[in-house]
N, C-alpha and C. Protein backbone atom coordinates (compact mmCIF):
# COMPACT_ATOMS: atom_id res chain seq x y z
N GLN A 1 24.51 -225.32 128.58
CA GLN A 1 25.31 -225.16 129.80
C GLN A 1 25.33 -223.68 130.18
N VAL A 2 25.00 -223.40 131.43
CA VAL A 2 25.00 -222.04 131.94
C VAL A 2 26.14 -221.90 132.93
N GLN A 3 26.94 -220.90 132.76
CA GLN A 3 28.02 -220.63 133.70
C GLN A 3 27.62 -219.52 134.65
N LEU A 4 27.96 -219.71 135.92
CA LEU A 4 27.63 -218.74 136.97
C LEU A 4 28.93 -218.23 137.57
N VAL A 5 29.04 -216.92 137.65
CA VAL A 5 30.24 -216.30 138.20
C VAL A 5 29.84 -215.36 139.34
N GLU A 6 30.31 -215.68 140.53
CA GLU A 6 29.98 -214.86 141.69
C GLU A 6 31.01 -213.77 141.91
N SER A 7 30.59 -212.72 142.58
CA SER A 7 31.49 -211.65 142.98
C SER A 7 30.99 -211.08 144.30
N GLY A 8 31.87 -210.34 144.96
CA GLY A 8 31.52 -209.79 146.26
C GLY A 8 31.99 -210.70 147.37
N GLY A 9 31.35 -210.62 148.51
CA GLY A 9 31.79 -211.39 149.65
C GLY A 9 32.93 -210.68 150.35
N GLY A 10 33.51 -211.38 151.32
CA GLY A 10 34.61 -210.80 152.09
C GLY A 10 34.39 -210.96 153.57
N SER A 11 35.04 -210.09 154.33
CA SER A 11 34.98 -210.16 155.78
C SER A 11 34.34 -208.90 156.35
N VAL A 12 33.56 -209.08 157.40
CA VAL A 12 32.87 -207.96 158.02
C VAL A 12 32.64 -208.29 159.49
N GLN A 13 32.48 -207.26 160.29
CA GLN A 13 32.15 -207.49 161.69
C GLN A 13 30.65 -207.72 161.85
N ALA A 14 30.30 -208.38 162.93
CA ALA A 14 28.90 -208.63 163.23
C ALA A 14 28.11 -207.32 163.22
N GLY A 15 26.93 -207.39 162.61
CA GLY A 15 26.10 -206.20 162.47
C GLY A 15 26.32 -205.46 161.17
N GLY A 16 27.36 -205.82 160.45
CA GLY A 16 27.67 -205.16 159.20
C GLY A 16 26.89 -205.73 158.03
N SER A 17 27.22 -205.22 156.84
CA SER A 17 26.51 -205.61 155.62
C SER A 17 27.50 -206.01 154.53
N LEU A 18 27.04 -206.90 153.68
CA LEU A 18 27.78 -207.30 152.49
C LEU A 18 26.78 -207.56 151.37
N ARG A 19 27.28 -207.45 150.15
CA ARG A 19 26.47 -207.76 148.98
C ARG A 19 27.26 -208.71 148.09
N ILE A 20 26.62 -209.79 147.70
CA ILE A 20 27.23 -210.72 146.77
C ILE A 20 26.36 -210.78 145.52
N SER A 21 27.01 -211.01 144.39
CA SER A 21 26.31 -211.03 143.12
C SER A 21 26.72 -212.23 142.29
N CYS A 22 25.89 -212.54 141.31
CA CYS A 22 26.14 -213.69 140.44
C CYS A 22 25.69 -213.32 139.03
N SER A 23 26.55 -213.57 138.09
CA SER A 23 26.24 -213.31 136.69
C SER A 23 26.09 -214.64 135.97
N ALA A 24 24.96 -214.82 135.28
CA ALA A 24 24.69 -216.05 134.55
C ALA A 24 24.89 -215.84 133.05
N SER A 25 25.44 -216.86 132.40
CA SER A 25 25.71 -216.74 130.96
C SER A 25 24.49 -217.02 130.11
N GLY A 26 23.41 -217.53 130.74
CA GLY A 26 22.21 -217.85 129.98
C GLY A 26 20.98 -217.80 130.85
N TYR A 27 19.85 -218.13 130.23
CA TYR A 27 18.57 -218.06 130.92
C TYR A 27 18.29 -219.34 131.71
N THR A 28 17.76 -219.15 132.91
CA THR A 28 17.20 -220.26 133.67
C THR A 28 15.92 -219.76 134.34
N TYR A 29 15.05 -220.67 134.72
CA TYR A 29 13.79 -220.27 135.34
C TYR A 29 14.01 -219.66 136.72
N CYS A 30 14.88 -220.26 137.51
CA CYS A 30 15.07 -219.76 138.87
C CYS A 30 16.56 -219.67 139.20
N MET A 31 16.83 -218.83 140.16
CA MET A 31 18.19 -218.68 140.67
C MET A 31 18.11 -218.56 142.18
N GLY A 32 19.21 -218.83 142.83
CA GLY A 32 19.20 -218.72 144.28
C GLY A 32 20.58 -218.81 144.88
N TRP A 33 20.61 -218.72 146.18
CA TRP A 33 21.85 -218.82 146.94
C TRP A 33 21.76 -219.95 147.95
N PHE A 34 22.83 -220.70 148.03
CA PHE A 34 23.04 -221.71 149.05
C PHE A 34 24.31 -221.33 149.81
N ARG A 35 24.46 -221.90 150.99
CA ARG A 35 25.70 -221.68 151.73
C ARG A 35 26.12 -222.95 152.45
N GLN A 36 27.41 -223.03 152.70
CA GLN A 36 27.95 -224.18 153.41
C GLN A 36 29.05 -223.72 154.36
N ALA A 37 28.81 -223.95 155.62
CA ALA A 37 29.80 -223.65 156.65
C ALA A 37 30.66 -224.87 156.87
N PRO A 38 31.88 -224.70 157.38
CA PRO A 38 32.76 -225.85 157.63
C PRO A 38 32.09 -226.88 158.54
N GLY A 39 32.12 -228.12 158.10
CA GLY A 39 31.56 -229.19 158.90
C GLY A 39 30.05 -229.32 158.85
N LYS A 40 29.42 -228.48 158.03
CA LYS A 40 27.96 -228.51 157.93
C LYS A 40 27.52 -228.80 156.50
N GLU A 41 26.27 -229.24 156.38
CA GLU A 41 25.72 -229.49 155.06
C GLU A 41 25.36 -228.17 154.36
N ARG A 42 25.35 -228.23 153.04
CA ARG A 42 24.93 -227.07 152.27
C ARG A 42 23.45 -226.83 152.52
N GLU A 43 23.08 -225.56 152.68
CA GLU A 43 21.69 -225.23 152.96
C GLU A 43 21.22 -224.09 152.07
N GLY A 44 19.93 -224.10 151.79
CA GLY A 44 19.36 -223.02 151.00
C GLY A 44 19.27 -221.74 151.81
N VAL A 45 19.49 -220.62 151.14
CA VAL A 45 19.42 -219.32 151.79
C VAL A 45 18.26 -218.51 151.24
N ALA A 46 18.19 -218.42 149.92
CA ALA A 46 17.13 -217.64 149.28
C ALA A 46 17.03 -218.05 147.83
N ALA A 47 15.86 -217.82 147.24
CA ALA A 47 15.65 -218.17 145.84
C ALA A 47 14.63 -217.24 145.22
N VAL A 48 14.71 -217.12 143.90
CA VAL A 48 13.77 -216.27 143.16
C VAL A 48 13.48 -216.91 141.83
N GLY A 49 12.19 -216.88 141.43
CA GLY A 49 11.78 -217.39 140.14
C GLY A 49 11.47 -216.27 139.17
N ARG A 50 11.44 -216.60 137.91
CA ARG A 50 11.15 -215.59 136.88
C ARG A 50 9.76 -215.01 137.05
N ASP A 51 8.86 -215.76 137.71
CA ASP A 51 7.50 -215.26 137.92
C ASP A 51 7.41 -214.38 139.16
N GLY A 52 8.55 -214.14 139.81
CA GLY A 52 8.56 -213.26 140.97
C GLY A 52 8.49 -213.97 142.30
N TRP A 53 8.34 -215.29 142.28
CA TRP A 53 8.31 -216.05 143.54
C TRP A 53 9.64 -215.89 144.25
N ILE A 54 9.60 -215.58 145.52
CA ILE A 54 10.79 -215.42 146.33
C ILE A 54 10.64 -216.20 147.62
N SER A 55 11.71 -216.83 148.05
CA SER A 55 11.69 -217.54 149.32
C SER A 55 12.99 -217.29 150.07
N TYR A 56 12.91 -217.36 151.38
CA TYR A 56 14.07 -217.18 152.25
C TYR A 56 14.08 -218.26 153.33
N ALA A 57 15.27 -218.61 153.74
CA ALA A 57 15.41 -219.43 154.93
C ALA A 57 14.98 -218.60 156.14
N ASP A 58 14.39 -219.28 157.12
CA ASP A 58 13.93 -218.56 158.31
C ASP A 58 15.08 -217.81 158.98
N SER A 59 16.26 -218.36 158.92
CA SER A 59 17.40 -217.78 159.62
C SER A 59 17.85 -216.44 159.03
N VAL A 60 17.41 -216.12 157.80
CA VAL A 60 17.86 -214.89 157.17
C VAL A 60 16.72 -213.92 156.87
N LYS A 61 15.49 -214.35 157.10
CA LYS A 61 14.35 -213.48 156.82
C LYS A 61 14.46 -212.17 157.58
N GLY A 62 14.20 -211.08 156.89
CA GLY A 62 14.28 -209.77 157.49
C GLY A 62 15.66 -209.16 157.48
N ARG A 63 16.67 -209.96 157.16
CA ARG A 63 18.05 -209.47 157.12
C ARG A 63 18.64 -209.51 155.71
N PHE A 64 18.27 -210.51 154.94
CA PHE A 64 18.81 -210.68 153.59
C PHE A 64 17.73 -210.35 152.57
N THR A 65 18.15 -209.80 151.44
CA THR A 65 17.25 -209.50 150.35
C THR A 65 17.84 -210.01 149.04
N ILE A 66 17.07 -210.86 148.36
CA ILE A 66 17.51 -211.39 147.06
C ILE A 66 16.86 -210.55 145.96
N SER A 67 17.61 -210.32 144.90
CA SER A 67 17.07 -209.54 143.78
C SER A 67 17.69 -210.02 142.48
N THR A 68 16.99 -209.77 141.41
CA THR A 68 17.48 -210.16 140.09
C THR A 68 17.33 -209.02 139.10
N ASP A 69 18.15 -209.05 138.09
CA ASP A 69 17.99 -208.22 136.91
C ASP A 69 17.81 -209.21 135.77
N ASN A 70 16.58 -209.49 135.41
CA ASN A 70 16.31 -210.54 134.43
C ASN A 70 16.91 -210.21 133.06
N ALA A 71 16.95 -208.93 132.72
CA ALA A 71 17.51 -208.56 131.42
C ALA A 71 18.99 -208.88 131.34
N LYS A 72 19.67 -208.81 132.48
CA LYS A 72 21.11 -209.05 132.50
C LYS A 72 21.47 -210.42 133.07
N ASN A 73 20.44 -211.20 133.46
CA ASN A 73 20.70 -212.51 134.06
C ASN A 73 21.66 -212.41 135.24
N THR A 74 21.40 -211.45 136.09
CA THR A 74 22.23 -211.31 137.29
C THR A 74 21.38 -211.47 138.54
N LEU A 75 22.03 -211.93 139.57
CA LEU A 75 21.39 -212.20 140.85
C LEU A 75 22.23 -211.56 141.94
N SER A 76 21.56 -210.98 142.93
CA SER A 76 22.29 -210.37 144.04
C SER A 76 21.68 -210.79 145.37
N LEU A 77 22.47 -210.71 146.40
CA LEU A 77 22.00 -210.97 147.75
C LEU A 77 22.58 -209.88 148.65
N GLN A 78 21.71 -209.02 149.13
CA GLN A 78 22.10 -207.99 150.09
C GLN A 78 21.94 -208.56 151.48
N MET A 79 23.03 -208.58 152.22
CA MET A 79 23.03 -209.19 153.54
C MET A 79 23.29 -208.11 154.59
N ASN A 80 22.31 -207.86 155.43
CA ASN A 80 22.41 -206.86 156.49
C ASN A 80 22.37 -207.54 157.85
N SER A 81 22.77 -206.81 158.86
CA SER A 81 22.75 -207.33 160.24
C SER A 81 23.40 -208.71 160.31
N LEU A 82 24.56 -208.82 159.71
CA LEU A 82 25.23 -210.12 159.63
C LEU A 82 25.64 -210.61 161.00
N LYS A 83 25.59 -211.93 161.15
CA LYS A 83 25.93 -212.60 162.40
C LYS A 83 27.08 -213.56 162.14
N PRO A 84 27.85 -213.90 163.17
CA PRO A 84 28.94 -214.87 162.97
C PRO A 84 28.44 -216.19 162.38
N GLU A 85 27.24 -216.58 162.70
CA GLU A 85 26.71 -217.83 162.17
C GLU A 85 26.36 -217.75 160.68
N ASP A 86 26.45 -216.57 160.10
CA ASP A 86 26.29 -216.43 158.65
C ASP A 86 27.57 -216.76 157.90
N THR A 87 28.65 -216.95 158.63
CA THR A 87 29.93 -217.28 158.00
C THR A 87 29.83 -218.59 157.23
N ALA A 88 30.16 -218.54 155.96
CA ALA A 88 30.05 -219.72 155.11
C ALA A 88 30.56 -219.39 153.71
N MET A 89 30.71 -220.43 152.91
CA MET A 89 30.90 -220.25 151.48
C MET A 89 29.51 -220.14 150.86
N TYR A 90 29.29 -219.10 150.12
CA TYR A 90 28.00 -218.87 149.48
C TYR A 90 28.08 -219.23 148.00
N TYR A 91 27.12 -220.04 147.56
CA TYR A 91 27.11 -220.52 146.20
C TYR A 91 25.87 -220.01 145.46
N CYS A 92 26.10 -219.52 144.28
CA CYS A 92 25.01 -219.18 143.38
C CYS A 92 24.54 -220.44 142.68
N ALA A 93 23.24 -220.58 142.49
CA ALA A 93 22.68 -221.74 141.81
C ALA A 93 21.60 -221.29 140.84
N ALA A 94 21.43 -222.06 139.79
CA ALA A 94 20.39 -221.76 138.80
C ALA A 94 19.79 -223.06 138.30
N GLY A 95 18.50 -223.02 137.97
CA GLY A 95 17.86 -224.24 137.54
C GLY A 95 16.55 -224.00 136.80
N ARG A 96 15.89 -225.11 136.47
CA ARG A 96 14.67 -225.07 135.67
C ARG A 96 13.41 -225.09 136.51
N ARG A 97 13.53 -225.43 137.77
CA ARG A 97 12.33 -225.55 138.61
C ARG A 97 12.71 -225.38 140.06
N PHE A 98 11.69 -225.13 140.86
CA PHE A 98 11.86 -225.14 142.30
C PHE A 98 11.72 -226.56 142.82
N SER A 99 12.44 -226.84 143.88
CA SER A 99 12.26 -228.06 144.65
C SER A 99 12.00 -227.62 146.08
N GLY A 100 10.74 -227.71 146.50
CA GLY A 100 10.40 -227.12 147.79
C GLY A 100 10.52 -225.62 147.73
N ALA A 101 11.20 -225.04 148.69
CA ALA A 101 11.31 -223.59 148.76
C ALA A 101 12.44 -223.02 147.92
N TYR A 102 13.29 -223.89 147.39
CA TYR A 102 14.51 -223.39 146.75
C TYR A 102 14.62 -223.86 145.30
N CYS A 103 15.39 -223.12 144.55
CA CYS A 103 15.66 -223.46 143.17
C CYS A 103 16.45 -224.76 143.12
N ASP A 104 15.98 -225.73 142.36
CA ASP A 104 16.67 -227.01 142.23
C ASP A 104 17.84 -226.82 141.28
N PRO A 105 19.06 -226.88 141.75
CA PRO A 105 20.19 -226.46 140.92
C PRO A 105 20.54 -227.42 139.79
N ASP A 106 20.58 -226.88 138.61
CA ASP A 106 21.21 -227.57 137.49
C ASP A 106 22.64 -227.07 137.31
N TYR A 107 22.89 -225.87 137.80
CA TYR A 107 24.20 -225.24 137.66
C TYR A 107 24.61 -224.60 138.99
N TRP A 108 25.94 -224.62 139.22
CA TRP A 108 26.50 -224.02 140.43
C TRP A 108 27.61 -223.05 140.07
N GLY A 109 27.73 -222.01 140.87
CA GLY A 109 28.89 -221.15 140.79
C GLY A 109 30.02 -221.73 141.62
N GLN A 110 31.14 -221.05 141.59
CA GLN A 110 32.33 -221.58 142.28
C GLN A 110 32.34 -221.24 143.76
N GLY A 111 31.48 -220.34 144.18
CA GLY A 111 31.39 -219.98 145.59
C GLY A 111 32.17 -218.72 145.92
N THR A 112 31.66 -217.99 146.90
CA THR A 112 32.36 -216.81 147.41
C THR A 112 32.26 -216.83 148.93
N GLN A 113 33.37 -216.54 149.59
CA GLN A 113 33.44 -216.65 151.03
C GLN A 113 32.89 -215.41 151.71
N VAL A 114 32.06 -215.64 152.72
CA VAL A 114 31.57 -214.58 153.60
C VAL A 114 31.98 -214.94 155.01
N THR A 115 32.71 -214.03 155.65
CA THR A 115 33.19 -214.26 157.01
C THR A 115 32.72 -213.11 157.90
N VAL A 116 32.05 -213.47 158.99
CA VAL A 116 31.52 -212.47 159.92
C VAL A 116 32.19 -212.70 161.27
N SER A 117 32.88 -211.69 161.74
CA SER A 117 33.58 -211.82 163.02
C SER A 117 32.77 -211.16 164.13
N SER A 118 32.92 -211.72 165.31
CA SER A 118 32.16 -211.19 166.46
C SER A 118 32.92 -210.06 167.14
């Protein structure tokens, strides 16, 4: 069992930046971020594999950057040029394999709120 603990998040005005992080208690092949806005389905945001494979949702490409520290089992998401539509609960996920473009989650974090005001 791997536990994921997120940190960061908060509120920012449109155009601003935030960084969220996730600390994992153990090793997994891939990690990533999902988000869920009120009334919407959870969607993939970005993912990274131990082999360096990285993927992003089209809606965040060029604005968000995912990174890992494999030695520390930590994951971060730097979010720049934030838009109101980025407002959501962001969840850290970790798993053994990719499913499509994103890490297929075996484990979830508790979520951290990101709110972008116009």
